[in-house]
């Protein structure tokens, strides 16, 4: 099945891989943050809230990439952009002031705890969305 003007749907090829990766990260980040907030919130509230926020961003990116339509495309653009800014900002802050992050977040050290996938993923998402918008 094709999208508008014969463009392939986002659930094929690279789009499918991005949706799958984002879904995995959404489940991982939301689950991790949920457990941390429920069991040890006072130990590192900023880190745990940032992990929860990143999980919400991953959920929105997953939905935006998986669904079709202009609204979902805007959601995907926004989520991938927020994720890139977040991982760069938190990455710098976590290295510049480690005491502010007594426990790591998904975005700490530019996603080093997740083999830097959180740094690469939004770039791939934005490139994919750009390529898709040029096809339209």
Protein backbone atom coordinates (compact mmCIF):
# COMPACT_ATOMS: atom_id res chain seq x y z
CA UNK A 1 0.00 0.00 0.00
CA UNK A 2 1.28 3.49 -0.83
CA UNK A 3 0.88 6.83 0.84
CA UNK A 4 0.00 10.08 -0.94
CA UNK A 5 1.36 10.48 -4.47
CA UNK A 6 2.77 6.95 -4.49
CA UNK A 7 5.16 7.54 -1.58
CA UNK A 8 5.80 4.39 0.45
CA UNK A 9 4.15 4.33 3.87
CA UNK A 10 6.32 4.95 6.90
CA UNK A 11 5.85 1.40 8.03
CA UNK A 12 8.14 0.00 5.31
CA UNK A 13 11.93 -0.06 4.97
CA UNK A 14 13.80 2.56 6.97
CA UNK A 15 10.52 3.92 8.31
CA UNK A 16 9.67 0.55 9.81
CA UNK A 17 13.12 0.26 11.40
CA UNK A 18 12.83 3.75 12.91
CA UNK A 19 9.37 3.01 14.29
CA UNK A 20 10.67 -0.23 15.84
CA UNK A 21 13.72 1.46 17.41
CA UNK A 22 11.63 4.31 18.76
CA UNK A 23 9.09 1.85 20.18
CA UNK A 24 11.85 -0.08 21.97
CA UNK A 25 13.28 3.13 23.40
CA UNK A 26 9.81 4.34 24.40
CA UNK A 27 9.12 1.17 26.39
CA UNK A 28 12.62 1.12 27.89
CA UNK A 29 12.66 4.79 28.93
CA UNK A 30 9.12 4.86 30.31
CA UNK A 31 9.62 1.59 32.19
CA UNK A 32 12.97 2.60 33.62
CA UNK A 33 11.72 6.02 34.69
CA UNK A 34 8.57 4.54 36.20
CA UNK A 35 10.55 2.13 38.37
CA UNK A 36 13.09 4.80 39.35
CA UNK A 37 10.42 7.35 40.25
CA UNK A 38 8.39 4.80 42.20
CA UNK A 39 11.29 3.31 44.14
CA UNK A 40 14.05 5.90 44.52
CA UNK A 41 12.83 9.31 43.34
CA UNK A 42 14.62 11.32 46.05
CA UNK A 43 18.03 9.95 45.00
CA UNK A 44 18.07 11.72 41.62
CA UNK A 45 14.80 13.52 40.85
CA UNK A 46 16.17 15.52 37.90
CA UNK A 47 17.64 12.44 36.21
CA UNK A 48 14.49 10.39 36.71
CA UNK A 49 12.17 13.14 35.48
CA UNK A 50 14.37 13.64 32.42
CA UNK A 51 14.20 9.91 31.73
CA UNK A 52 10.40 10.08 32.00
CA UNK A 53 10.34 13.09 29.67
CA UNK A 54 12.56 11.29 27.16
CA UNK A 55 10.17 8.33 27.30
CA UNK A 56 7.24 10.59 26.42
CA UNK A 57 9.27 12.06 23.55
CA UNK A 58 10.02 8.54 22.29
CA UNK A 59 6.32 7.61 22.46
CA UNK A 60 5.40 10.71 20.44
CA UNK A 61 8.15 10.03 17.91
CA UNK A 62 6.97 6.43 17.55
CA UNK A 63 3.40 7.52 16.93
CA UNK A 64 4.43 10.35 14.62
CA UNK A 65 6.61 8.08 12.50
CA UNK A 66 4.14 5.19 12.46
CA UNK A 67 1.05 7.12 11.44
CA UNK A 68 0.30 9.06 8.30
CA UNK A 69 -1.07 12.54 7.77
CA UNK A 70 0.18 16.07 8.16
CA UNK A 71 -0.54 16.24 11.89
CA UNK A 72 1.45 13.10 12.66
CA UNK A 73 4.27 14.28 10.42
CA UNK A 74 4.47 17.48 12.50
CA UNK A 75 4.42 15.42 15.71
CA UNK A 76 7.33 13.33 14.37
CA UNK A 77 9.31 16.45 13.37
CA UNK A 78 8.73 18.03 16.78
CA UNK A 79 9.56 14.87 18.74
CA UNK A 80 12.76 14.16 16.82
CA UNK A 81 13.83 17.80 17.14
CA UNK A 82 13.11 17.91 20.89
CA UNK A 83 14.97 14.64 21.29
CA UNK A 84 18.05 15.93 19.47
CA UNK A 85 18.12 19.15 21.49
CA UNK A 86 17.51 17.17 24.69
CA UNK A 87 20.25 14.61 24.14
CA UNK A 88 22.78 17.30 23.22
CA UNK A 89 21.81 19.56 26.13
CA UNK A 90 21.64 16.81 28.74
CA UNK A 91 24.77 15.23 27.28
CA UNK A 92 26.77 18.42 27.77
CA UNK A 93 25.28 19.15 31.20
CA UNK A 94 25.88 15.61 32.46
CA UNK A 95 29.53 15.83 31.48
CA UNK A 96 30.02 19.42 32.65
CA UNK A 97 28.32 18.94 36.04
CA UNK A 98 28.15 15.24 36.96
CA UNK A 99 26.95 16.08 40.48
CA UNK A 100 23.71 17.41 39.00
CA UNK A 101 23.10 13.90 37.62
CA UNK A 102 23.85 11.45 40.45
CA UNK A 103 22.17 8.77 38.35
CA UNK A 104 22.19 8.62 34.58
CA UNK A 105 19.34 9.37 32.22
CA UNK A 106 18.71 7.99 28.75
CA UNK A 107 20.35 11.15 27.40
CA UNK A 108 23.31 11.36 29.85
CA UNK A 109 26.70 11.39 28.19
CA UNK A 110 24.96 11.79 24.83
CA UNK A 111 23.31 8.40 25.30
CA UNK A 112 26.56 6.58 26.07
CA UNK A 113 24.72 4.11 28.31
CA UNK A 114 22.69 3.10 25.26
CA UNK A 115 25.64 2.90 22.82
CA UNK A 116 24.90 6.47 21.62
CA UNK A 117 21.68 5.38 19.92
CA UNK A 118 19.80 8.30 21.56
CA UNK A 119 22.17 10.68 19.76
CA UNK A 120 21.96 8.97 16.37
CA UNK A 121 18.25 8.13 16.40
CA UNK A 122 16.85 11.68 16.13
CA UNK A 123 19.32 12.49 13.36
CA UNK A 124 18.13 9.44 11.43
CA UNK A 125 14.53 10.39 12.15
CA UNK A 126 14.99 13.95 10.91
CA UNK A 127 16.86 12.80 7.80
CA UNK A 128 14.12 10.29 7.08
CA UNK A 129 11.38 12.90 7.57
CA UNK A 130 13.26 15.37 5.35
CA UNK A 131 13.64 12.77 2.62
CA UNK A 132 10.00 11.84 2.93
CA UNK A 133 8.87 15.46 2.68
CA UNK A 134 10.94 15.95 -0.48
CA UNK A 135 9.15 13.00 -2.08
CA UNK A 136 5.83 14.73 -1.53
